[in-house]
PDB file of all heavy atoms in Angstrom:
ATOM      1  N   VAL A   1     -11.543  10.321   4.184  1.00  0.00           N
ATOM      2  CA  VAL A   1     -11.385  10.350   2.724  1.00  0.00           C
ATOM      3  C   VAL A   1     -12.691   9.917   2.056  1.00  0.00           C
ATOM      4  O   VAL A   1     -13.148  10.540   1.090  1.00  0.00           O
ATOM      5  CB  VAL A   1     -10.202   9.466   2.272  1.00  0.00           C
ATOM      6  CG1 VAL A   1     -10.164   9.335   0.746  1.00  0.00           C
ATOM      7  CG2 VAL A   1      -8.881  10.037   2.796  1.00  0.00           C
ATOM      8  N   VAL A   2     -13.294   8.859   2.589  1.00  0.00           N
ATOM      9  CA  VAL A   2     -14.555   8.352   2.037  1.00  0.00           C
ATOM     10  C   VAL A   2     -15.627   9.443   2.042  1.00  0.00           C
ATOM     11  O   VAL A   2     -16.372   9.611   1.075  1.00  0.00           O
ATOM     12  CB  VAL A   2     -15.041   7.111   2.830  1.00  0.00           C
ATOM     13  CG1 VAL A   2     -16.437   6.688   2.396  1.00  0.00           C
ATOM     14  CG2 VAL A   2     -14.064   5.958   2.644  1.00  0.00           C
ATOM     15  N   THR A   3     -15.683  10.214   3.114  1.00  0.00           N
ATOM     16  CA  THR A   3     -16.717  11.252   3.244  1.00  0.00           C
ATOM     17  C   THR A   3     -16.335  12.567   2.571  1.00  0.00           C
ATOM     18  O   THR A   3     -17.116  13.513   2.579  1.00  0.00           O
ATOM     19  CB  THR A   3     -17.037  11.521   4.727  1.00  0.00           C
ATOM     20  OG1 THR A   3     -15.835  11.919   5.390  1.00  0.00           O
ATOM     21  CG2 THR A   3     -17.641  10.299   5.396  1.00  0.00           C
ATOM     22  N   GLY A   4     -15.110  12.641   2.027  1.00  0.00           N
ATOM     23  CA  GLY A   4     -14.702  13.843   1.313  1.00  0.00           C
ATOM     24  C   GLY A   4     -14.104  14.931   2.179  1.00  0.00           C
ATOM     25  O   GLY A   4     -13.822  16.031   1.706  1.00  0.00           O
ATOM     26  N   VAL A   5     -13.901  14.664   3.453  1.00  0.00           N
ATOM     27  CA  VAL A   5     -13.335  15.658   4.372  1.00  0.00           C
ATOM     28  C   VAL A   5     -11.831  15.831   4.129  1.00  0.00           C
ATOM     29  O   VAL A   5     -11.286  16.907   4.308  1.00  0.00           O
ATOM     30  CB  VAL A   5     -13.595  15.241   5.845  1.00  0.00           C
ATOM     31  CG1 VAL A   5     -12.896  16.173   6.819  1.00  0.00           C
ATOM     32  CG2 VAL A   5     -15.083  15.188   6.123  1.00  0.00           C
ATOM     33  N   ALA A   6     -11.173  14.760   3.703  1.00  0.00           N
ATOM     34  CA  ALA A   6      -9.724  14.792   3.485  1.00  0.00           C
ATOM     35  C   ALA A   6      -9.390  14.055   2.194  1.00  0.00           C
ATOM     36  O   ALA A   6     -10.229  13.324   1.661  1.00  0.00           O
ATOM     37  CB  ALA A   6      -9.011  14.139   4.663  1.00  0.00           C
ATOM     38  N   GLN A   7      -8.162  14.258   1.714  1.00  0.00           N
ATOM     39  CA  GLN A   7      -7.682  13.538   0.541  1.00  0.00           C
ATOM     40  C   GLN A   7      -6.608  12.557   0.965  1.00  0.00           C
ATOM     41  O   GLN A   7      -5.814  12.839   1.867  1.00  0.00           O
ATOM     42  CB  GLN A   7      -7.096  14.501  -0.491  1.00  0.00           C
ATOM     43  CG  GLN A   7      -8.142  15.229  -1.300  1.00  0.00           C
ATOM     44  CD  GLN A   7      -7.487  15.939  -2.485  1.00  0.00           C
ATOM     45  OE1 GLN A   7      -6.461  16.579  -2.329  1.00  0.00           O
ATOM     46  NE2 GLN A   7      -8.090  15.806  -3.643  1.00  0.00           N
ATOM     47  N   TYR A   8      -6.569  11.410   0.287  1.00  0.00           N
ATOM     48  CA  TYR A   8      -5.521  10.423   0.550  1.00  0.00           C
ATOM     49  C   TYR A   8      -4.207  10.969  -0.014  1.00  0.00           C
ATOM     50  O   TYR A   8      -4.150  11.369  -1.175  1.00  0.00           O
ATOM     51  CB  TYR A   8      -5.887   9.100  -0.126  1.00  0.00           C
ATOM     52  CG  TYR A   8      -5.108   7.918   0.385  1.00  0.00           C
ATOM     53  CD1 TYR A   8      -5.622   7.115   1.399  1.00  0.00           C
ATOM     54  CD2 TYR A   8      -3.867   7.589  -0.144  1.00  0.00           C
ATOM     55  CE1 TYR A   8      -4.918   6.021   1.866  1.00  0.00           C
ATOM     56  CE2 TYR A   8      -3.149   6.505   0.322  1.00  0.00           C
ATOM     57  CZ  TYR A   8      -3.685   5.718   1.327  1.00  0.00           C
ATOM     58  OH  TYR A   8      -2.971   4.631   1.797  1.00  0.00           O
ATOM     59  N   PRO A   9      -3.147  11.008   0.787  1.00  0.00           N
ATOM     60  CA  PRO A   9      -1.872  11.566   0.307  1.00  0.00           C
ATOM     61  C   PRO A   9      -1.306  10.763  -0.873  1.00  0.00           C
ATOM     62  O   PRO A   9      -1.452   9.542  -0.925  1.00  0.00           O
ATOM     63  CB  PRO A   9      -0.942  11.442   1.518  1.00  0.00           C
ATOM     64  CG  PRO A   9      -1.827  11.202   2.687  1.00  0.00           C
ATOM     65  CD  PRO A   9      -3.072  10.554   2.168  1.00  0.00           C
ATOM     66  N   GLU A  10      -0.644  11.468  -1.761  1.00  0.00           N
ATOM     67  CA  GLU A  10      -0.005  10.812  -2.903  1.00  0.00           C
ATOM     68  C   GLU A  10       1.462  10.543  -2.592  1.00  0.00           C
ATOM     69  O   GLU A  10       2.043  11.174  -1.717  1.00  0.00           O
ATOM     70  CB  GLU A  10      -0.121  11.705  -4.150  1.00  0.00           C
ATOM     71  CG  GLU A  10      -1.556  11.888  -4.610  1.00  0.00           C
ATOM     72  CD  GLU A  10      -1.640  12.712  -5.890  1.00  0.00           C
ATOM     73  OE1 GLU A  10      -0.589  12.968  -6.524  1.00  0.00           O
ATOM     74  OE2 GLU A  10      -2.764  13.102  -6.243  1.00  0.00           O
ATOM     75  N   HIS A  11       2.054   9.598  -3.302  1.00  0.00           N
ATOM     76  CA  HIS A  11       3.494   9.303  -3.248  1.00  0.00           C
ATOM     77  C   HIS A  11       3.982   8.940  -1.841  1.00  0.00           C
ATOM     78  O   HIS A  11       5.081   9.323  -1.442  1.00  0.00           O
ATOM     79  CB  HIS A  11       4.310  10.483  -3.801  1.00  0.00           C
ATOM     80  CG  HIS A  11       3.803  11.004  -5.111  1.00  0.00           C
ATOM     81  ND1 HIS A  11       3.813  10.250  -6.259  1.00  0.00           N
ATOM     82  CD2 HIS A  11       3.238  12.189  -5.439  1.00  0.00           C
ATOM     83  CE1 HIS A  11       3.291  10.949  -7.254  1.00  0.00           C
ATOM     84  NE2 HIS A  11       2.925  12.131  -6.776  1.00  0.00           N
ATOM     85  N   ILE A  12       3.177   8.202  -1.099  1.00  0.00           N
ATOM     86  CA  ILE A  12       3.548   7.838   0.278  1.00  0.00           C
ATOM     87  C   ILE A  12       4.842   7.034   0.318  1.00  0.00           C
ATOM     88  O   ILE A  12       5.749   7.335   1.093  1.00  0.00           O
ATOM     89  CB  ILE A  12       2.399   7.081   0.975  1.00  0.00           C
ATOM     90  CG1 ILE A  12       1.237   8.037   1.254  1.00  0.00           C
ATOM     91  CG2 ILE A  12       2.884   6.410   2.251  1.00  0.00           C
ATOM     92  CD1 ILE A  12       0.001   7.364   1.826  1.00  0.00           C
ATOM     93  N   LEU A  13       4.949   5.998  -0.521  1.00  0.00           N
ATOM     94  CA  LEU A  13       6.140   5.140  -0.472  1.00  0.00           C
ATOM     95  C   LEU A  13       7.401   5.921  -0.838  1.00  0.00           C
ATOM     96  O   LEU A  13       8.451   5.749  -0.208  1.00  0.00           O
ATOM     97  CB  LEU A  13       5.969   3.928  -1.387  1.00  0.00           C
ATOM     98  CG  LEU A  13       4.879   2.944  -0.962  1.00  0.00           C
ATOM     99  CD1 LEU A  13       4.733   1.827  -1.980  1.00  0.00           C
ATOM    100  CD2 LEU A  13       5.167   2.367   0.419  1.00  0.00           C
ATOM    101  N   GLU A  14       7.289   6.797  -1.825  1.00  0.00           N
ATOM    102  CA  GLU A  14       8.436   7.608  -2.226  1.00  0.00           C
ATOM    103  C   GLU A  14       8.853   8.544  -1.089  1.00  0.00           C
ATOM    104  O   GLU A  14      10.044   8.693  -0.792  1.00  0.00           O
ATOM    105  CB  GLU A  14       8.110   8.427  -3.486  1.00  0.00           C
ATOM    106  CG  GLU A  14       7.866   7.598  -4.723  1.00  0.00           C
ATOM    107  CD  GLU A  14       6.432   7.076  -4.852  1.00  0.00           C
ATOM    108  OE1 GLU A  14       5.630   7.200  -3.893  1.00  0.00           O
ATOM    109  OE2 GLU A  14       6.121   6.513  -5.917  1.00  0.00           O
ATOM    110  N   THR A  15       7.874   9.163  -0.449  1.00  0.00           N
ATOM    111  CA  THR A  15       8.160  10.076   0.659  1.00  0.00           C
ATOM    112  C   THR A  15       8.830   9.331   1.815  1.00  0.00           C
ATOM    113  O   THR A  15       9.825   9.800   2.370  1.00  0.00           O
ATOM    114  CB  THR A  15       6.858  10.756   1.144  1.00  0.00           C
ATOM    115  OG1 THR A  15       6.270  11.453   0.034  1.00  0.00           O
ATOM    116  CG2 THR A  15       7.122  11.726   2.275  1.00  0.00           C
ATOM    117  N   LEU A  16       8.296   8.161   2.166  1.00  0.00           N
ATOM    118  CA  LEU A  16       8.880   7.380   3.256  1.00  0.00           C
ATOM    119  C   LEU A  16      10.300   6.932   2.924  1.00  0.00           C
ATOM    120  O   LEU A  16      11.166   6.884   3.796  1.00  0.00           O
ATOM    121  CB  LEU A  16       8.003   6.157   3.563  1.00  0.00           C
ATOM    122  CG  LEU A  16       6.675   6.453   4.255  1.00  0.00           C
ATOM    123  CD1 LEU A  16       5.806   5.208   4.282  1.00  0.00           C
ATOM    124  CD2 LEU A  16       6.901   6.982   5.667  1.00  0.00           C
ATOM    125  N   SER A  17      10.554   6.610   1.652  1.00  0.00           N
ATOM    126  CA  SER A  17      11.875   6.133   1.224  1.00  0.00           C
ATOM    127  C   SER A  17      12.956   7.199   1.351  1.00  0.00           C
ATOM    128  O   SER A  17      14.139   6.875   1.397  1.00  0.00           O
ATOM    129  CB  SER A  17      11.816   5.639  -0.226  1.00  0.00           C
ATOM    130  OG  SER A  17      10.999   4.496  -0.315  1.00  0.00           O
ATOM    131  N   GLU A  18      12.557   8.451   1.424  1.00  0.00           N
ATOM    132  CA  GLU A  18      13.531   9.530   1.561  1.00  0.00           C
ATOM    133  C   GLU A  18      14.248   9.480   2.908  1.00  0.00           C
ATOM    134  O   GLU A  18      15.398   9.898   3.017  1.00  0.00           O
ATOM    135  CB  GLU A  18      12.851  10.888   1.380  1.00  0.00           C
ATOM    136  CG  GLU A  18      12.384  11.136  -0.042  1.00  0.00           C
ATOM    137  CD  GLU A  18      11.508  12.377  -0.171  1.00  0.00           C
ATOM    138  OE1 GLU A  18      11.382  13.150   0.813  1.00  0.00           O
ATOM    139  OE2 GLU A  18      10.941  12.564  -1.253  1.00  0.00           O
ATOM    140  N   SER A  19      13.576   8.988   3.944  1.00  0.00           N
ATOM    141  CA  SER A  19      14.186   8.996   5.271  1.00  0.00           C
ATOM    142  C   SER A  19      14.209   7.630   5.965  1.00  0.00           C
ATOM    143  O   SER A  19      14.685   7.523   7.087  1.00  0.00           O
ATOM    144  CB  SER A  19      13.463  10.011   6.167  1.00  0.00           C
ATOM    145  OG  SER A  19      12.080   9.763   6.167  1.00  0.00           O
ATOM    146  N   HIS A  20      13.693   6.586   5.293  1.00  0.00           N
ATOM    147  CA  HIS A  20      13.644   5.253   5.911  1.00  0.00           C
ATOM    148  C   HIS A  20      14.013   4.177   4.897  1.00  0.00           C
ATOM    149  O   HIS A  20      13.847   4.374   3.697  1.00  0.00           O
ATOM    150  CB  HIS A  20      12.229   4.949   6.430  1.00  0.00           C
ATOM    151  CG  HIS A  20      11.722   5.935   7.422  1.00  0.00           C
ATOM    152  ND1 HIS A  20      12.198   6.013   8.708  1.00  0.00           N
ATOM    153  CD2 HIS A  20      10.779   6.902   7.321  1.00  0.00           C
ATOM    154  CE1 HIS A  20      11.563   6.971   9.360  1.00  0.00           C
ATOM    155  NE2 HIS A  20      10.711   7.533   8.534  1.00  0.00           N
ATOM    156  N   LYS A  21      14.487   3.044   5.405  1.00  0.00           N
ATOM    157  CA  LYS A  21      14.669   1.874   4.547  1.00  0.00           C
ATOM    158  C   LYS A  21      13.289   1.242   4.389  1.00  0.00           C
ATOM    159  O   LYS A  21      12.717   0.742   5.359  1.00  0.00           O
ATOM    160  CB  LYS A  21      15.649   0.886   5.174  1.00  0.00           C
ATOM    161  CG  LYS A  21      15.839  -0.352   4.306  1.00  0.00           C
ATOM    162  CD  LYS A  21      16.773  -1.363   4.923  1.00  0.00           C
ATOM    163  CE  LYS A  21      16.857  -2.575   4.014  1.00  0.00           C
ATOM    164  NZ  LYS A  21      17.595  -3.667   4.638  1.00  0.00           N
ATOM    165  N   VAL A  22      12.752   1.281   3.170  1.00  0.00           N
ATOM    166  CA  VAL A  22      11.400   0.795   2.909  1.00  0.00           C
ATOM    167  C   VAL A  22      11.459  -0.437   2.010  1.00  0.00           C
ATOM    168  O   VAL A  22      12.125  -0.438   0.974  1.00  0.00           O
ATOM    169  CB  VAL A  22      10.540   1.888   2.224  1.00  0.00           C
ATOM    170  CG1 VAL A  22       9.172   1.345   1.851  1.00  0.00           C
ATOM    171  CG2 VAL A  22      10.404   3.103   3.141  1.00  0.00           C
ATOM    172  N   VAL A  23      10.764  -1.486   2.438  1.00  0.00           N
ATOM    173  CA  VAL A  23      10.573  -2.671   1.613  1.00  0.00           C
ATOM    174  C   VAL A  23       9.069  -2.757   1.369  1.00  0.00           C
ATOM    175  O   VAL A  23       8.296  -2.891   2.312  1.00  0.00           O
ATOM    176  CB  VAL A  23      11.063  -3.952   2.325  1.00  0.00           C
ATOM    177  CG1 VAL A  23      10.814  -5.172   1.462  1.00  0.00           C
ATOM    178  CG2 VAL A  23      12.531  -3.828   2.709  1.00  0.00           C
ATOM    179  N   SER A  24       8.666  -2.631   0.097  1.00  0.00           N
ATOM    180  CA  SER A  24       7.230  -2.669  -0.173  1.00  0.00           C
ATOM    181  C   SER A  24       6.892  -3.851  -1.067  1.00  0.00           C
ATOM    182  O   SER A  24       7.717  -4.320  -1.850  1.00  0.00           O
ATOM    183  CB  SER A  24       6.755  -1.368  -0.839  1.00  0.00           C
ATOM    184  OG  SER A  24       7.291  -1.250  -2.137  1.00  0.00           O
ATOM    185  N   ILE A  25       5.669  -4.334  -0.909  1.00  0.00           N
ATOM    186  CA  ILE A  25       5.172  -5.445  -1.707  1.00  0.00           C
ATOM    187  C   ILE A  25       3.665  -5.256  -1.866  1.00  0.00           C
ATOM    188  O   ILE A  25       2.995  -4.798  -0.937  1.00  0.00           O
ATOM    189  CB  ILE A  25       5.484  -6.814  -1.039  1.00  0.00           C
ATOM    190  CG1 ILE A  25       5.005  -7.975  -1.922  1.00  0.00           C
ATOM    191  CG2 ILE A  25       4.890  -6.890   0.369  1.00  0.00           C
ATOM    192  CD1 ILE A  25       5.474  -9.346  -1.456  1.00  0.00           C
ATOM    193  N   ASP A  26       3.164  -5.574  -3.036  1.00  0.00           N
ATOM    194  CA  ASP A  26       1.712  -5.586  -3.234  1.00  0.00           C
ATOM    195  C   ASP A  26       1.236  -6.972  -2.817  1.00  0.00           C
ATOM    196  O   ASP A  26       1.042  -7.870  -3.636  1.00  0.00           O
ATOM    197  CB  ASP A  26       1.350  -5.280  -4.689  1.00  0.00           C
ATOM    198  CG  ASP A  26      -0.155  -5.146  -4.898  1.00  0.00           C
ATOM    199  OD1 ASP A  26      -0.931  -5.602  -4.017  1.00  0.00           O
ATOM    200  OD2 ASP A  26      -0.563  -4.613  -5.936  1.00  0.00           O
ATOM    201  N   ALA A  27       1.094  -7.148  -1.514  1.00  0.00           N
ATOM    202  CA  ALA A  27       0.781  -8.466  -0.954  1.00  0.00           C
ATOM    203  C   ALA A  27      -0.603  -8.940  -1.370  1.00  0.00           C
ATOM    204  O   ALA A  27      -0.831 -10.142  -1.511  1.00  0.00           O
ATOM    205  CB  ALA A  27       0.908  -8.436   0.564  1.00  0.00           C
ATOM    206  N   MET A  28      -1.540  -8.013  -1.580  1.00  0.00           N
ATOM    207  CA  MET A  28      -2.876  -8.415  -1.991  1.00  0.00           C
ATOM    208  C   MET A  28      -2.834  -9.056  -3.379  1.00  0.00           C
ATOM    209  O   MET A  28      -3.448 -10.096  -3.612  1.00  0.00           O
ATOM    210  CB  MET A  28      -3.829  -7.217  -1.975  1.00  0.00           C
ATOM    211  CG  MET A  28      -5.275  -7.595  -2.214  1.00  0.00           C
ATOM    212  SD  MET A  28      -5.938  -8.775  -0.991  1.00  0.00           S
ATOM    213  CE  MET A  28      -6.189  -7.691   0.405  1.00  0.00           C
ATOM    214  N   ALA A  29      -2.086  -8.456  -4.302  1.00  0.00           N
ATOM    215  CA  ALA A  29      -1.961  -9.031  -5.650  1.00  0.00           C
ATOM    216  C   ALA A  29      -1.304 -10.406  -5.588  1.00  0.00           C
ATOM    217  O   ALA A  29      -1.735 -11.346  -6.274  1.00  0.00           O
ATOM    218  CB  ALA A  29      -1.156  -8.096  -6.544  1.00  0.00           C
ATOM    219  N   GLU A  30      -0.267 -10.542  -4.754  1.00  0.00           N
ATOM    220  CA  GLU A  30       0.412 -11.834  -4.615  1.00  0.00           C
ATOM    221  C   GLU A  30      -0.522 -12.883  -4.002  1.00  0.00           C
ATOM    222  O   GLU A  30      -0.532 -14.034  -4.414  1.00  0.00           O
ATOM    223  CB  GLU A  30       1.680 -11.688  -3.765  1.00  0.00           C
ATOM    224  CG  GLU A  30       2.752 -10.831  -4.402  1.00  0.00           C
ATOM    225  CD  GLU A  30       3.284 -11.405  -5.707  1.00  0.00           C
ATOM    226  OE1 GLU A  30       3.407 -12.639  -5.827  1.00  0.00           O
ATOM    227  OE2 GLU A  30       3.562 -10.611  -6.627  1.00  0.00           O
ATOM    228  N   ALA A  31      -1.321 -12.474  -3.019  1.00  0.00           N
ATOM    229  CA  ALA A  31      -2.263 -13.401  -2.384  1.00  0.00           C
ATOM    230  C   ALA A  31      -3.320 -13.862  -3.381  1.00  0.00           C
ATOM    231  O   ALA A  31      -3.701 -15.034  -3.397  1.00  0.00           O
ATOM    232  CB  ALA A  31      -2.919 -12.734  -1.172  1.00  0.00           C
ATOM    233  N   LYS A  32      -3.788 -12.949  -4.220  1.00  0.00           N
ATOM    234  CA  LYS A  32      -4.788 -13.319  -5.235  1.00  0.00           C
ATOM    235  C   LYS A  32      -4.209 -14.324  -6.225  1.00  0.00           C
ATOM    236  O   LYS A  32      -4.910 -15.224  -6.684  1.00  0.00           O
ATOM    237  CB  LYS A  32      -5.318 -12.076  -5.940  1.00  0.00           C
ATOM    238  CG  LYS A  32      -6.247 -11.271  -5.041  1.00  0.00           C
ATOM    239  CD  LYS A  32      -6.730  -9.995  -5.703  1.00  0.00           C
ATOM    240  CE  LYS A  32      -7.658  -9.229  -4.766  1.00  0.00           C
ATOM    241  NZ  LYS A  32      -8.019  -7.907  -5.305  1.00  0.00           N
ATOM    242  N   LYS A  33      -2.910 -14.199  -6.535  1.00  0.00           N
ATOM    243  CA  LYS A  33      -2.255 -15.185  -7.408  1.00  0.00           C
ATOM    244  C   LYS A  33      -2.289 -16.576  -6.775  1.00  0.00           C
ATOM    245  O   LYS A  33      -2.338 -17.580  -7.474  1.00  0.00           O
ATOM    246  CB  LYS A  33      -0.802 -14.790  -7.682  1.00  0.00           C
ATOM    247  CG  LYS A  33      -0.628 -13.623  -8.619  1.00  0.00           C
ATOM    248  CD  LYS A  33       0.868 -13.369  -8.829  1.00  0.00           C
ATOM    249  CE  LYS A  33       1.130 -11.999  -9.389  1.00  0.00           C
ATOM    250  NZ  LYS A  33       2.562 -11.674  -9.396  1.00  0.00           N
ATOM    251  N   LEU A  34      -2.219 -16.611  -5.446  1.00  0.00           N
ATOM    252  CA  LEU A  34      -2.287 -17.895  -4.723  1.00  0.00           C
ATOM    253  C   LEU A  34      -3.722 -18.404  -4.614  1.00  0.00           C
ATOM    254  O   LEU A  34      -3.950 -19.530  -4.172  1.00  0.00           O
ATOM    255  CB  LEU A  34      -1.699 -17.754  -3.317  1.00  0.00           C
ATOM    256  CG  LEU A  34      -0.192 -17.547  -3.217  1.00  0.00           C
ATOM    257  CD1 LEU A  34       0.206 -17.272  -1.768  1.00  0.00           C
ATOM    258  CD2 LEU A  34       0.563 -18.743  -3.763  1.00  0.00           C
ATOM    259  N   GLY A  35      -4.685 -17.548  -4.956  1.00  0.00           N
ATOM    260  CA  GLY A  35      -6.083 -17.957  -4.921  1.00  0.00           C
ATOM    261  C   GLY A  35      -6.796 -17.666  -3.617  1.00  0.00           C
ATOM    262  O   GLY A  35      -7.904 -18.147  -3.395  1.00  0.00           O
ATOM    263  N   ASN A  36      -6.163 -16.880  -2.714  1.00  0.00           N
ATOM    264  CA  ASN A  36      -6.803 -16.572  -1.439  1.00  0.00           C
ATOM    265  C   ASN A  36      -6.326 -15.206  -0.947  1.00  0.00           C
ATOM    266  O   ASN A  36      -5.247 -15.086  -0.360  1.00  0.00           O
ATOM    267  CB  ASN A  36      -6.475 -17.658  -0.400  1.00  0.00           C
ATOM    268  CG  ASN A  36      -7.230 -17.464   0.899  1.00  0.00           C
ATOM    269  OD1 ASN A  36      -7.666 -16.368   1.229  1.00  0.00           O
ATOM    270  ND2 ASN A  36      -7.373 -18.545   1.645  1.00  0.00           N
ATOM    271  N   ALA A  37      -7.130 -14.178  -1.190  1.00  0.00           N
ATOM    272  CA  ALA A  37      -6.751 -12.806  -0.828  1.00  0.00           C
ATOM    273  C   ALA A  37      -6.511 -12.643   0.668  1.00  0.00           C
ATOM    274  O   ALA A  37      -5.783 -11.747   1.098  1.00  0.00           O
ATOM    275  CB  ALA A  37      -7.833 -11.829  -1.297  1.00  0.00           C
ATOM    276  N   ARG A  38      -7.111 -13.510   1.478  1.00  0.00           N
ATOM    277  CA  ARG A  38      -6.998 -13.343   2.931  1.00  0.00           C
ATOM    278  C   ARG A  38      -5.613 -13.666   3.484  1.00  0.00           C
ATOM    279  O   ARG A  38      -5.319 -13.348   4.632  1.00  0.00           O
ATOM    280  CB  ARG A  38      -8.060 -14.187   3.633  1.00  0.00           C
ATOM    281  CG  ARG A  38      -9.440 -13.620   3.366  1.00  0.00           C
ATOM    282  CD  ARG A  38     -10.585 -14.305   4.045  1.00  0.00           C
ATOM    283  NE  ARG A  38     -10.267 -15.272   5.050  1.00  0.00           N
ATOM    284  CZ  ARG A  38     -11.082 -16.226   5.439  1.00  0.00           C
ATOM    285  NH1 ARG A  38     -12.264 -16.340   4.886  1.00  0.00           N
ATOM    286  NH2 ARG A  38     -10.741 -17.075   6.380  1.00  0.00           N
ATOM    287  N   VAL A  39      -4.743 -14.286   2.686  1.00  0.00           N
ATOM    288  CA  VAL A  39      -3.408 -14.630   3.201  1.00  0.00           C
ATOM    289  C   VAL A  39      -2.374 -13.546   2.906  1.00  0.00           C
ATOM    290  O   VAL A  39      -1.181 -13.757   3.096  1.00  0.00           O
ATOM    291  CB  VAL A  39      -2.905 -16.005   2.677  1.00  0.00           C
ATOM    292  CG1 VAL A  39      -3.824 -17.121   3.158  1.00  0.00           C
ATOM    293  CG2 VAL A  39      -2.745 -16.014   1.168  1.00  0.00           C
ATOM    294  N   PHE A  40      -2.832 -12.356   2.485  1.00  0.00           N
ATOM    295  CA  PHE A  40      -1.871 -11.288   2.178  1.00  0.00           C
ATOM    296  C   PHE A  40      -1.018 -10.952   3.396  1.00  0.00           C
ATOM    297  O   PHE A  40       0.164 -10.626   3.268  1.00  0.00           O
ATOM    298  CB  PHE A  40      -2.580 -10.038   1.629  1.00  0.00           C
ATOM    299  CG  PHE A  40      -3.173  -9.162   2.680  1.00  0.00           C
ATOM    300  CD1 PHE A  40      -2.457  -8.096   3.194  1.00  0.00           C
ATOM    301  CD2 PHE A  40      -4.443  -9.412   3.169  1.00  0.00           C
ATOM    302  CE1 PHE A  40      -3.000  -7.297   4.183  1.00  0.00           C
ATOM    303  CE2 PHE A  40      -4.990  -8.612   4.143  1.00  0.00           C
ATOM    304  CZ  PHE A  40      -4.267  -7.549   4.660  1.00  0.00           C
TER     305      PHE A  40
END
């Protein structure tokens, strides 16, 4: 994706939710709230 050879797929979580039980969290945002991104 970085080199432009491919595109990052859109709507991944929605697609996965169609056939799987998905629990998602923006752990990076939550870790930043704690003041340390590395604990995501």
